Amino acid sequence: MRHNLLFALAALGLASAPALAADPIEGLARTCNNCHGTGGVSVGYSMPSIAGLSETYLKNILMEWKSGARASANMTRLIKGYTDEEIAALAGYYSKLPWTAQVQPAAKELLAKGKDVTERCETCHGATGGQPDDKETPRLNGQWAKYLELEMLKYRDEGFQMTHKKMMKNTRKMEEGDVATAAKYYGAQSK
């Protein structure tokens, strides 16, 4: 009976060897895509795109969630079940995909003010957020502004568990209203 089922599936093209030996990382990535979008390109305003971010950054942040060094109710719960090897493979998988900026419109006045309030951010992320100075720093250009704003607010909150001390210091120096301006500035950048 099993032989007949395999023969029938093969006749339909559903039981080819490559299909049976699918890459297990692609299976894990489908779980990530449920929130972060197909191929890691988010279409949700408060969910980041992850495709094209550096392998080092992705691996580090995933390991921070796994260890509990960084707080995130959803990510900590999800990532705890993954092995270190699976985390490394996922980071490698998404880093090889192209970055797709989700450019959001912003008024000229906001862009001008955003350029001013993000001056201290340039040393790590580049002038428009698209040229990080190292592999541990994420791209910001075309990332969802709402997500960026929520992340900066976490860095400003002394009670929230975040790991990057320079980000904590710099976001806490910003005026409260400048957080949304900076987020919208980076969200409007294509490169």
N, C-alpha and C. Protein backbone atom coordinates (compact mmCIF):
# COMPACT_ATOMS: atom_id res chain seq x y z
N MET A 1 0.83 -1.20 0.00
CA MET A 1 0.00 0.00 0.00
C MET A 1 0.88 1.26 0.00
N ARG A 2 1.91 1.29 0.87
CA ARG A 2 2.81 2.45 0.95
C ARG A 2 3.48 2.68 -0.41
N HIS A 3 3.90 1.57 -1.05
CA HIS A 3 4.54 1.64 -2.34
C HIS A 3 3.59 2.28 -3.37
N ASN A 4 2.33 1.89 -3.36
CA ASN A 4 1.34 2.45 -4.28
C ASN A 4 1.14 3.94 -4.05
N LEU A 5 1.14 4.37 -2.76
CA LEU A 5 0.97 5.79 -2.44
C LEU A 5 2.16 6.58 -2.96
N LEU A 6 3.38 6.09 -2.73
CA LEU A 6 4.56 6.79 -3.23
C LEU A 6 4.55 6.86 -4.75
N PHE A 7 4.13 5.76 -5.40
CA PHE A 7 4.06 5.75 -6.86
C PHE A 7 3.06 6.80 -7.35
N ALA A 8 1.91 6.88 -6.69
CA ALA A 8 0.88 7.85 -7.08
C ALA A 8 1.38 9.28 -6.87
N LEU A 9 2.05 9.53 -5.74
CA LEU A 9 2.58 10.86 -5.48
C LEU A 9 3.67 11.22 -6.48
N ALA A 10 4.54 10.26 -6.80
CA ALA A 10 5.60 10.50 -7.77
C ALA A 10 5.00 10.83 -9.14
N ALA A 11 3.93 10.12 -9.50
CA ALA A 11 3.28 10.38 -10.78
C ALA A 11 2.73 11.80 -10.83
N LEU A 12 2.30 12.31 -9.70
CA LEU A 12 1.78 13.68 -9.64
C LEU A 12 2.89 14.71 -9.47
N GLY A 13 4.12 14.23 -9.28
CA GLY A 13 5.24 15.15 -9.08
C GLY A 13 5.35 15.64 -7.65
N LEU A 14 4.68 14.99 -6.73
CA LEU A 14 4.68 15.44 -5.34
C LEU A 14 5.68 14.70 -4.46
N ALA A 15 6.30 13.68 -4.96
CA ALA A 15 7.19 12.89 -4.12
C ALA A 15 8.59 12.83 -4.67
N SER A 16 9.04 13.89 -5.30
CA SER A 16 10.39 13.89 -5.82
C SER A 16 11.38 13.94 -4.67
N ALA A 17 12.57 13.46 -4.89
CA ALA A 17 13.58 13.41 -3.82
C ALA A 17 13.87 14.78 -3.23
N PRO A 18 14.04 15.84 -4.04
CA PRO A 18 14.30 17.14 -3.42
C PRO A 18 13.16 17.61 -2.51
N ALA A 19 11.94 17.31 -2.85
CA ALA A 19 10.82 17.74 -2.01
C ALA A 19 10.84 17.02 -0.68
N LEU A 20 11.24 15.75 -0.68
CA LEU A 20 11.28 15.00 0.57
C LEU A 20 12.46 15.43 1.43
N ALA A 21 13.50 15.98 0.81
CA ALA A 21 14.70 16.38 1.54
C ALA A 21 14.80 17.90 1.61
N ALA A 22 13.70 18.57 1.86
CA ALA A 22 13.67 20.04 1.93
C ALA A 22 14.59 20.53 3.03
N ASP A 23 15.15 21.72 2.82
CA ASP A 23 16.05 22.34 3.79
C ASP A 23 15.29 22.61 5.09
N PRO A 24 15.75 22.04 6.20
CA PRO A 24 15.03 22.25 7.47
C PRO A 24 15.02 23.71 7.92
N ILE A 25 16.02 24.49 7.50
CA ILE A 25 16.04 25.91 7.87
C ILE A 25 14.89 26.65 7.19
N GLU A 26 14.55 26.27 5.99
CA GLU A 26 13.40 26.89 5.33
C GLU A 26 12.13 26.61 6.10
N GLY A 27 12.02 25.44 6.69
CA GLY A 27 10.87 25.12 7.53
C GLY A 27 10.83 26.01 8.77
N LEU A 28 11.98 26.20 9.42
CA LEU A 28 12.03 27.10 10.58
C LEU A 28 11.74 28.54 10.16
N ALA A 29 12.26 28.92 8.99
CA ALA A 29 12.05 30.28 8.50
C ALA A 29 10.58 30.57 8.26
N ARG A 30 9.80 29.56 7.88
CA ARG A 30 8.36 29.78 7.68
C ARG A 30 7.71 30.25 8.98
N THR A 31 8.20 29.75 10.11
CA THR A 31 7.69 30.22 11.40
C THR A 31 7.99 31.70 11.58
N CYS A 32 9.21 32.10 11.24
CA CYS A 32 9.61 33.52 11.35
C CYS A 32 8.78 34.38 10.40
N ASN A 33 8.54 33.85 9.20
CA ASN A 33 7.79 34.61 8.19
C ASN A 33 6.36 34.90 8.61
N ASN A 34 5.83 34.11 9.55
CA ASN A 34 4.47 34.37 10.03
C ASN A 34 4.33 35.78 10.59
N CYS A 35 5.37 36.27 11.23
CA CYS A 35 5.33 37.63 11.80
C CYS A 35 6.14 38.62 10.97
N HIS A 36 7.30 38.17 10.46
CA HIS A 36 8.23 39.09 9.80
C HIS A 36 8.01 39.19 8.30
N GLY A 37 7.00 38.51 7.78
CA GLY A 37 6.66 38.61 6.36
C GLY A 37 7.37 37.57 5.51
N THR A 38 6.81 37.33 4.35
CA THR A 38 7.38 36.37 3.42
C THR A 38 8.81 36.76 3.10
N GLY A 39 9.71 35.81 3.28
CA GLY A 39 11.12 36.09 3.02
C GLY A 39 11.72 37.10 3.96
N GLY A 40 11.07 37.32 5.11
CA GLY A 40 11.61 38.26 6.10
C GLY A 40 11.36 39.72 5.79
N VAL A 41 10.47 40.02 4.84
CA VAL A 41 10.13 41.40 4.48
C VAL A 41 8.76 41.71 5.06
N SER A 42 8.74 42.47 6.12
CA SER A 42 7.52 42.73 6.87
C SER A 42 6.58 43.69 6.15
N VAL A 43 5.31 43.43 6.32
CA VAL A 43 4.29 44.34 5.82
C VAL A 43 3.49 44.92 6.99
N GLY A 44 3.94 44.67 8.21
CA GLY A 44 3.26 45.16 9.40
C GLY A 44 4.02 46.30 10.03
N TYR A 45 3.32 47.31 10.41
CA TYR A 45 3.95 48.55 10.86
C TYR A 45 4.76 48.42 12.15
N SER A 46 4.45 47.48 13.00
CA SER A 46 5.21 47.35 14.24
C SER A 46 6.09 46.11 14.25
N MET A 47 6.22 45.45 13.11
CA MET A 47 7.04 44.24 13.00
C MET A 47 8.19 44.52 12.05
N PRO A 48 9.43 44.27 12.47
CA PRO A 48 10.56 44.62 11.60
C PRO A 48 10.77 43.64 10.46
N SER A 49 11.30 44.18 9.38
CA SER A 49 11.83 43.33 8.32
C SER A 49 13.17 42.81 8.81
N ILE A 50 13.48 41.56 8.50
CA ILE A 50 14.75 40.97 8.95
C ILE A 50 15.62 40.50 7.78
N ALA A 51 15.06 40.38 6.59
CA ALA A 51 15.84 39.96 5.43
C ALA A 51 16.89 41.00 5.12
N GLY A 52 18.14 40.54 4.94
CA GLY A 52 19.21 41.45 4.57
C GLY A 52 19.94 42.10 5.73
N LEU A 53 19.46 41.87 6.96
CA LEU A 53 20.23 42.35 8.11
C LEU A 53 21.45 41.45 8.26
N SER A 54 22.49 41.95 8.90
CA SER A 54 23.73 41.17 8.96
C SER A 54 23.56 39.90 9.79
N GLU A 55 24.28 38.88 9.39
CA GLU A 55 24.25 37.60 10.09
C GLU A 55 24.67 37.77 11.55
N THR A 56 25.69 38.57 11.77
CA THR A 56 26.18 38.80 13.14
C THR A 56 25.10 39.45 14.00
N TYR A 57 24.46 40.50 13.47
CA TYR A 57 23.41 41.18 14.23
C TYR A 57 22.27 40.21 14.54
N LEU A 58 21.80 39.50 13.53
CA LEU A 58 20.66 38.59 13.73
C LEU A 58 21.00 37.50 14.75
N LYS A 59 22.17 36.91 14.62
CA LYS A 59 22.56 35.85 15.55
C LYS A 59 22.66 36.40 16.98
N ASN A 60 23.30 37.57 17.12
CA ASN A 60 23.46 38.16 18.45
C ASN A 60 22.12 38.45 19.12
N ILE A 61 21.21 39.05 18.38
CA ILE A 61 19.93 39.42 18.99
C ILE A 61 19.11 38.18 19.33
N LEU A 62 19.15 37.17 18.46
CA LEU A 62 18.43 35.93 18.75
C LEU A 62 19.01 35.25 20.00
N MET A 63 20.31 35.25 20.12
CA MET A 63 20.93 34.64 21.30
C MET A 63 20.63 35.44 22.57
N GLU A 64 20.51 36.76 22.45
CA GLU A 64 20.13 37.59 23.60
C GLU A 64 18.72 37.23 24.07
N TRP A 65 17.82 37.01 23.14
CA TRP A 65 16.46 36.60 23.52
C TRP A 65 16.47 35.21 24.13
N LYS A 66 17.24 34.32 23.54
CA LYS A 66 17.28 32.95 24.05
C LYS A 66 17.82 32.92 25.49
N SER A 67 18.85 33.70 25.76
CA SER A 67 19.47 33.70 27.09
C SER A 67 18.66 34.50 28.10
N GLY A 68 17.76 35.35 27.62
CA GLY A 68 17.00 36.21 28.52
C GLY A 68 17.69 37.54 28.78
N ALA A 69 18.83 37.80 28.11
CA ALA A 69 19.54 39.07 28.30
C ALA A 69 18.75 40.24 27.74
N ARG A 70 17.90 39.98 26.78
CA ARG A 70 17.07 41.01 26.15
C ARG A 70 15.62 40.57 26.31
N ALA A 71 14.76 41.51 26.59
CA ALA A 71 13.36 41.18 26.86
C ALA A 71 12.50 41.25 25.59
N SER A 72 11.70 40.24 25.41
CA SER A 72 10.66 40.20 24.38
C SER A 72 9.79 39.00 24.69
N ALA A 73 8.57 39.24 25.07
CA ALA A 73 7.69 38.13 25.46
C ALA A 73 7.57 37.10 24.33
N ASN A 74 7.31 37.56 23.12
CA ASN A 74 7.12 36.62 22.01
C ASN A 74 8.43 35.97 21.57
N MET A 75 9.45 36.77 21.32
CA MET A 75 10.70 36.21 20.80
C MET A 75 11.37 35.29 21.82
N THR A 76 11.38 35.67 23.07
CA THR A 76 12.00 34.82 24.09
C THR A 76 11.29 33.47 24.14
N ARG A 77 9.98 33.50 24.12
CA ARG A 77 9.20 32.26 24.18
C ARG A 77 9.47 31.40 22.95
N LEU A 78 9.52 32.00 21.78
CA LEU A 78 9.72 31.24 20.54
C LEU A 78 11.13 30.70 20.40
N ILE A 79 12.11 31.52 20.69
CA ILE A 79 13.49 31.17 20.38
C ILE A 79 14.11 30.19 21.37
N LYS A 80 13.55 30.09 22.57
CA LYS A 80 14.10 29.17 23.58
C LYS A 80 14.12 27.72 23.10
N GLY A 81 13.23 27.34 22.22
CA GLY A 81 13.18 25.98 21.72
C GLY A 81 14.16 25.68 20.59
N TYR A 82 14.87 26.68 20.12
CA TYR A 82 15.80 26.49 19.02
C TYR A 82 17.19 26.18 19.56
N THR A 83 17.92 25.34 18.84
CA THR A 83 19.31 25.08 19.21
C THR A 83 20.18 26.25 18.76
N ASP A 84 21.37 26.36 19.31
CA ASP A 84 22.30 27.41 18.88
C ASP A 84 22.62 27.26 17.39
N GLU A 85 22.69 26.03 16.92
CA GLU A 85 22.97 25.78 15.51
C GLU A 85 21.81 26.25 14.62
N GLU A 86 20.59 26.01 15.07
CA GLU A 86 19.42 26.48 14.30
C GLU A 86 19.38 28.00 14.27
N ILE A 87 19.72 28.62 15.38
CA ILE A 87 19.75 30.09 15.44
C ILE A 87 20.79 30.62 14.46
N ALA A 88 21.98 30.03 14.47
CA ALA A 88 23.04 30.45 13.55
C ALA A 88 22.60 30.25 12.11
N ALA A 89 21.95 29.14 11.82
CA ALA A 89 21.49 28.87 10.46
C ALA A 89 20.41 29.86 10.02
N LEU A 90 19.49 30.19 10.91
CA LEU A 90 18.46 31.18 10.58
C LEU A 90 19.08 32.55 10.31
N ALA A 91 20.05 32.93 11.15
CA ALA A 91 20.74 34.22 10.95
C ALA A 91 21.42 34.24 9.58
N GLY A 92 22.08 33.14 9.24
CA GLY A 92 22.73 33.05 7.93
C GLY A 92 21.73 33.10 6.79
N TYR A 93 20.62 32.39 6.96
CA TYR A 93 19.58 32.34 5.93
C TYR A 93 19.02 33.74 5.64
N TYR A 94 18.62 34.46 6.67
CA TYR A 94 18.01 35.78 6.46
C TYR A 94 19.03 36.82 6.00
N SER A 95 20.29 36.69 6.44
CA SER A 95 21.30 37.66 6.03
C SER A 95 21.59 37.58 4.54
N LYS A 96 21.36 36.44 3.94
CA LYS A 96 21.64 36.27 2.51
C LYS A 96 20.50 36.78 1.62
N LEU A 97 19.36 37.05 2.21
CA LEU A 97 18.24 37.60 1.44
C LEU A 97 18.44 39.10 1.25
N PRO A 98 17.88 39.67 0.21
CA PRO A 98 18.09 41.11 -0.02
C PRO A 98 17.30 41.98 0.95
N TRP A 99 17.91 43.10 1.33
CA TRP A 99 17.22 44.10 2.14
C TRP A 99 16.22 44.81 1.24
N THR A 100 15.01 44.96 1.70
CA THR A 100 13.96 45.66 0.96
C THR A 100 13.44 46.78 1.84
N ALA A 101 13.85 47.99 1.53
CA ALA A 101 13.39 49.15 2.31
C ALA A 101 11.90 49.36 2.07
N GLN A 102 11.16 49.53 3.15
CA GLN A 102 9.72 49.82 3.08
C GLN A 102 9.57 51.33 3.28
N VAL A 103 9.91 52.09 2.26
CA VAL A 103 9.98 53.55 2.36
C VAL A 103 8.60 54.12 2.63
N GLN A 104 8.52 54.89 3.73
CA GLN A 104 7.27 55.50 4.14
C GLN A 104 7.34 57.00 3.92
N PRO A 105 6.26 57.62 3.48
CA PRO A 105 6.29 59.05 3.19
C PRO A 105 6.47 59.88 4.45
N ALA A 106 7.17 61.01 4.28
CA ALA A 106 7.36 61.95 5.38
C ALA A 106 7.47 63.36 4.78
N ALA A 107 6.94 64.32 5.50
CA ALA A 107 6.98 65.71 5.05
C ALA A 107 8.42 66.24 5.07
N LYS A 108 8.72 67.22 4.20
CA LYS A 108 10.06 67.81 4.13
C LYS A 108 10.50 68.36 5.47
N GLU A 109 9.57 68.98 6.20
CA GLU A 109 9.91 69.56 7.51
C GLU A 109 10.34 68.46 8.48
N LEU A 110 9.64 67.35 8.46
CA LEU A 110 9.99 66.24 9.34
C LEU A 110 11.35 65.67 8.96
N LEU A 111 11.61 65.55 7.67
CA LEU A 111 12.90 65.03 7.23
C LEU A 111 14.05 65.94 7.66
N ALA A 112 13.83 67.25 7.57
CA ALA A 112 14.87 68.19 7.99
C ALA A 112 15.11 68.08 9.49
N LYS A 113 14.04 68.03 10.27
CA LYS A 113 14.20 67.88 11.72
C LYS A 113 14.79 66.51 12.06
N GLY A 114 14.36 65.49 11.35
CA GLY A 114 14.89 64.15 11.58
C GLY A 114 16.38 64.07 11.34
N LYS A 115 16.85 64.76 10.33
CA LYS A 115 18.30 64.80 10.06
C LYS A 115 19.04 65.38 11.25
N ASP A 116 18.47 66.42 11.87
CA ASP A 116 19.10 67.05 13.05
C ASP A 116 19.08 66.13 14.26
N VAL A 117 17.94 65.51 14.55
CA VAL A 117 17.82 64.72 15.78
C VAL A 117 18.53 63.37 15.69
N THR A 118 18.90 62.95 14.48
CA THR A 118 19.58 61.66 14.34
C THR A 118 21.09 61.82 14.17
N GLU A 119 21.59 63.01 14.39
CA GLU A 119 23.02 63.26 14.20
C GLU A 119 23.89 62.30 15.01
N ARG A 120 23.53 62.04 16.25
CA ARG A 120 24.35 61.12 17.07
C ARG A 120 24.20 59.68 16.62
N CYS A 121 23.17 59.37 15.85
CA CYS A 121 22.94 58.00 15.36
C CYS A 121 23.85 57.66 14.17
N GLU A 122 24.32 58.71 13.47
CA GLU A 122 25.10 58.51 12.26
C GLU A 122 26.38 57.73 12.48
N THR A 123 27.00 57.87 13.64
CA THR A 123 28.29 57.22 13.86
C THR A 123 28.18 55.70 13.78
N CYS A 124 27.03 55.15 14.08
CA CYS A 124 26.86 53.69 14.01
C CYS A 124 26.02 53.24 12.81
N HIS A 125 24.96 53.99 12.50
CA HIS A 125 24.00 53.55 11.48
C HIS A 125 24.20 54.21 10.12
N GLY A 126 25.04 55.25 10.04
CA GLY A 126 25.20 56.00 8.81
C GLY A 126 24.17 57.11 8.72
N ALA A 127 24.39 58.04 7.82
CA ALA A 127 23.57 59.25 7.73
C ALA A 127 22.09 58.97 7.51
N THR A 128 21.78 57.93 6.73
CA THR A 128 20.38 57.63 6.45
C THR A 128 19.96 56.28 7.04
N GLY A 129 20.82 55.70 7.85
CA GLY A 129 20.51 54.42 8.48
C GLY A 129 20.81 53.22 7.61
N GLY A 130 21.33 53.44 6.42
CA GLY A 130 21.58 52.35 5.50
C GLY A 130 23.03 51.90 5.40
N GLN A 131 23.88 52.50 6.24
CA GLN A 131 25.30 52.14 6.17
C GLN A 131 25.86 51.91 7.57
N PRO A 132 25.46 50.81 8.21
CA PRO A 132 25.98 50.53 9.55
C PRO A 132 27.50 50.41 9.51
N ASP A 133 28.14 50.83 10.59
CA ASP A 133 29.60 50.84 10.62
C ASP A 133 30.21 49.48 10.95
N ASP A 134 29.40 48.53 11.40
CA ASP A 134 29.90 47.19 11.67
C ASP A 134 28.77 46.18 11.51
N LYS A 135 29.12 44.93 11.64
CA LYS A 135 28.14 43.86 11.42
C LYS A 135 27.23 43.63 12.62
N GLU A 136 27.46 44.32 13.72
CA GLU A 136 26.61 44.19 14.90
C GLU A 136 25.51 45.24 14.94
N THR A 137 25.51 46.13 13.97
CA THR A 137 24.58 47.25 13.93
C THR A 137 23.56 47.04 12.82
N PRO A 138 22.27 47.16 13.12
CA PRO A 138 21.25 46.93 12.08
C PRO A 138 21.07 48.12 11.15
N ARG A 139 20.58 47.81 9.97
CA ARG A 139 20.13 48.84 9.03
C ARG A 139 18.84 49.44 9.59
N LEU A 140 18.63 50.71 9.33
CA LEU A 140 17.40 51.39 9.76
C LEU A 140 16.63 51.97 8.58
N ASN A 141 17.32 52.17 7.45
CA ASN A 141 16.64 52.82 6.32
C ASN A 141 15.49 51.96 5.81
N GLY A 142 14.34 52.56 5.74
CA GLY A 142 13.17 51.85 5.23
C GLY A 142 12.60 50.80 6.17
N GLN A 143 13.10 50.78 7.40
CA GLN A 143 12.49 49.90 8.41
C GLN A 143 11.20 50.59 8.85
N TRP A 144 10.24 49.84 9.32
CA TRP A 144 8.96 50.42 9.72
C TRP A 144 9.16 51.42 10.85
N ALA A 145 8.69 52.65 10.65
CA ALA A 145 8.86 53.73 11.62
C ALA A 145 8.24 53.38 12.96
N LYS A 146 7.09 52.77 12.96
CA LYS A 146 6.43 52.42 14.23
C LYS A 146 7.29 51.44 15.03
N TYR A 147 7.85 50.46 14.36
CA TYR A 147 8.76 49.52 15.02
C TYR A 147 9.96 50.26 15.60
N LEU A 148 10.59 51.12 14.80
CA LEU A 148 11.76 51.86 15.28
C LEU A 148 11.41 52.71 16.50
N GLU A 149 10.27 53.36 16.45
CA GLU A 149 9.83 54.18 17.59
C GLU A 149 9.66 53.32 18.85
N LEU A 150 9.00 52.19 18.71
CA LEU A 150 8.80 51.31 19.87
C LEU A 150 10.12 50.81 20.43
N GLU A 151 11.08 50.47 19.57
CA GLU A 151 12.39 50.02 20.03
C GLU A 151 13.13 51.14 20.77
N MET A 152 13.09 52.36 20.22
CA MET A 152 13.76 53.48 20.89
C MET A 152 13.12 53.76 22.25
N LEU A 153 11.82 53.63 22.32
CA LEU A 153 11.15 53.84 23.61
C LEU A 153 11.59 52.79 24.63
N LYS A 154 11.83 51.56 24.19
CA LYS A 154 12.35 50.53 25.09
C LYS A 154 13.73 50.93 25.61
N TYR A 155 14.58 51.44 24.72
CA TYR A 155 15.92 51.86 25.14
C TYR A 155 15.86 53.03 26.12
N ARG A 156 14.86 53.87 25.99
CA ARG A 156 14.71 55.01 26.90
C ARG A 156 14.17 54.61 28.27
N ASP A 157 13.48 53.50 28.34
CA ASP A 157 12.83 53.05 29.57
C ASP A 157 13.83 52.29 30.44
N GLU A 158 14.19 52.86 31.58
CA GLU A 158 15.17 52.24 32.48
C GLU A 158 14.69 50.90 33.01
N GLY A 159 13.40 50.67 33.02
CA GLY A 159 12.87 49.42 33.53
C GLY A 159 12.80 48.31 32.50
N PHE A 160 13.12 48.64 31.23
CA PHE A 160 13.03 47.64 30.17
C PHE A 160 14.39 47.03 29.93
N GLN A 161 14.44 45.74 29.71
CA GLN A 161 15.67 45.00 29.58
C GLN A 161 16.21 45.07 28.15
N MET A 162 17.17 45.97 27.94
CA MET A 162 17.85 46.10 26.65
C MET A 162 19.35 45.98 26.90
N THR A 163 20.11 45.59 25.89
CA THR A 163 21.52 45.25 26.12
C THR A 163 22.53 46.26 25.61
N HIS A 164 22.18 47.09 24.67
CA HIS A 164 23.16 47.97 24.02
C HIS A 164 23.26 49.30 24.78
N LYS A 165 24.32 49.46 25.52
CA LYS A 165 24.49 50.63 26.39
C LYS A 165 24.57 51.95 25.62
N LYS A 166 25.22 51.96 24.48
CA LYS A 166 25.32 53.20 23.69
C LYS A 166 23.94 53.63 23.19
N MET A 167 23.11 52.66 22.79
CA MET A 167 21.75 52.99 22.37
C MET A 167 20.94 53.54 23.54
N MET A 168 21.09 52.95 24.70
CA MET A 168 20.38 53.46 25.88
C MET A 168 20.78 54.91 26.14
N LYS A 169 22.06 55.16 26.13
CA LYS A 169 22.59 56.50 26.41
C LYS A 169 22.08 57.52 25.39
N ASN A 170 22.19 57.17 24.10
CA ASN A 170 21.81 58.12 23.05
C ASN A 170 20.30 58.36 22.99
N THR A 171 19.49 57.33 23.14
CA THR A 171 18.05 57.55 23.08
C THR A 171 17.56 58.32 24.30
N ARG A 172 18.21 58.16 25.43
CA ARG A 172 17.81 58.90 26.63
C ARG A 172 18.21 60.36 26.55
N LYS A 173 19.13 60.70 25.68
CA LYS A 173 19.50 62.11 25.46
C LYS A 173 18.50 62.81 24.55
N MET A 174 17.72 62.06 23.81
CA MET A 174 16.75 62.64 22.88
C MET A 174 15.58 63.24 23.65
N GLU A 175 15.02 64.31 23.10
CA GLU A 175 13.77 64.84 23.63
C GLU A 175 12.68 63.81 23.33
N GLU A 176 11.67 63.73 24.16
CA GLU A 176 10.62 62.72 24.00
C GLU A 176 9.99 62.76 22.61
N GLY A 177 9.67 63.95 22.12
CA GLY A 177 9.05 64.08 20.81
C GLY A 177 9.97 63.73 19.65
N ASP A 178 11.28 63.77 19.89
CA ASP A 178 12.23 63.48 18.83
C ASP A 178 12.32 61.99 18.49
N VAL A 179 11.84 61.14 19.38
CA VAL A 179 11.89 59.71 19.12
C VAL A 179 11.05 59.37 17.89
N ALA A 180 9.83 59.85 17.85
CA ALA A 180 8.96 59.58 16.70
C ALA A 180 9.51 60.23 15.44
N THR A 181 10.09 61.41 15.57
CA THR A 181 10.69 62.10 14.42
C THR A 181 11.84 61.29 13.85
N ALA A 182 12.71 60.80 14.71
CA ALA A 182 13.85 59.99 14.25
C ALA A 182 13.35 58.71 13.57
N ALA A 183 12.36 58.08 14.15
CA ALA A 183 11.82 56.85 13.58
C ALA A 183 11.23 57.11 12.18
N LYS A 184 10.48 58.19 12.04
CA LYS A 184 9.89 58.52 10.75
C LYS A 184 10.95 58.91 9.73
N TYR A 185 11.98 59.59 10.20
CA TYR A 185 13.09 59.96 9.31
C TYR A 185 13.73 58.70 8.71
N TYR A 186 14.07 57.74 9.56
CA TYR A 186 14.69 56.52 9.06
C TYR A 186 13.72 55.69 8.22
N GLY A 187 12.46 55.67 8.59
CA GLY A 187 11.47 54.94 7.81
C GLY A 187 11.29 55.50 6.40
N ALA A 188 11.61 56.78 6.22
CA ALA A 188 11.44 57.43 4.92
C ALA A 188 12.67 57.29 4.02
N GLN A 189 13.72 56.67 4.51
CA GLN A 189 14.96 56.57 3.75
C GLN A 189 14.98 55.31 2.87
N SER A 190 15.39 55.49 1.64
CA SER A 190 15.48 54.33 0.74
C SER A 190 16.85 53.68 0.77
N LYS A 191 17.88 54.43 1.07
CA LYS A 191 19.26 53.90 1.08
C LYS A 191 19.98 54.29 2.35
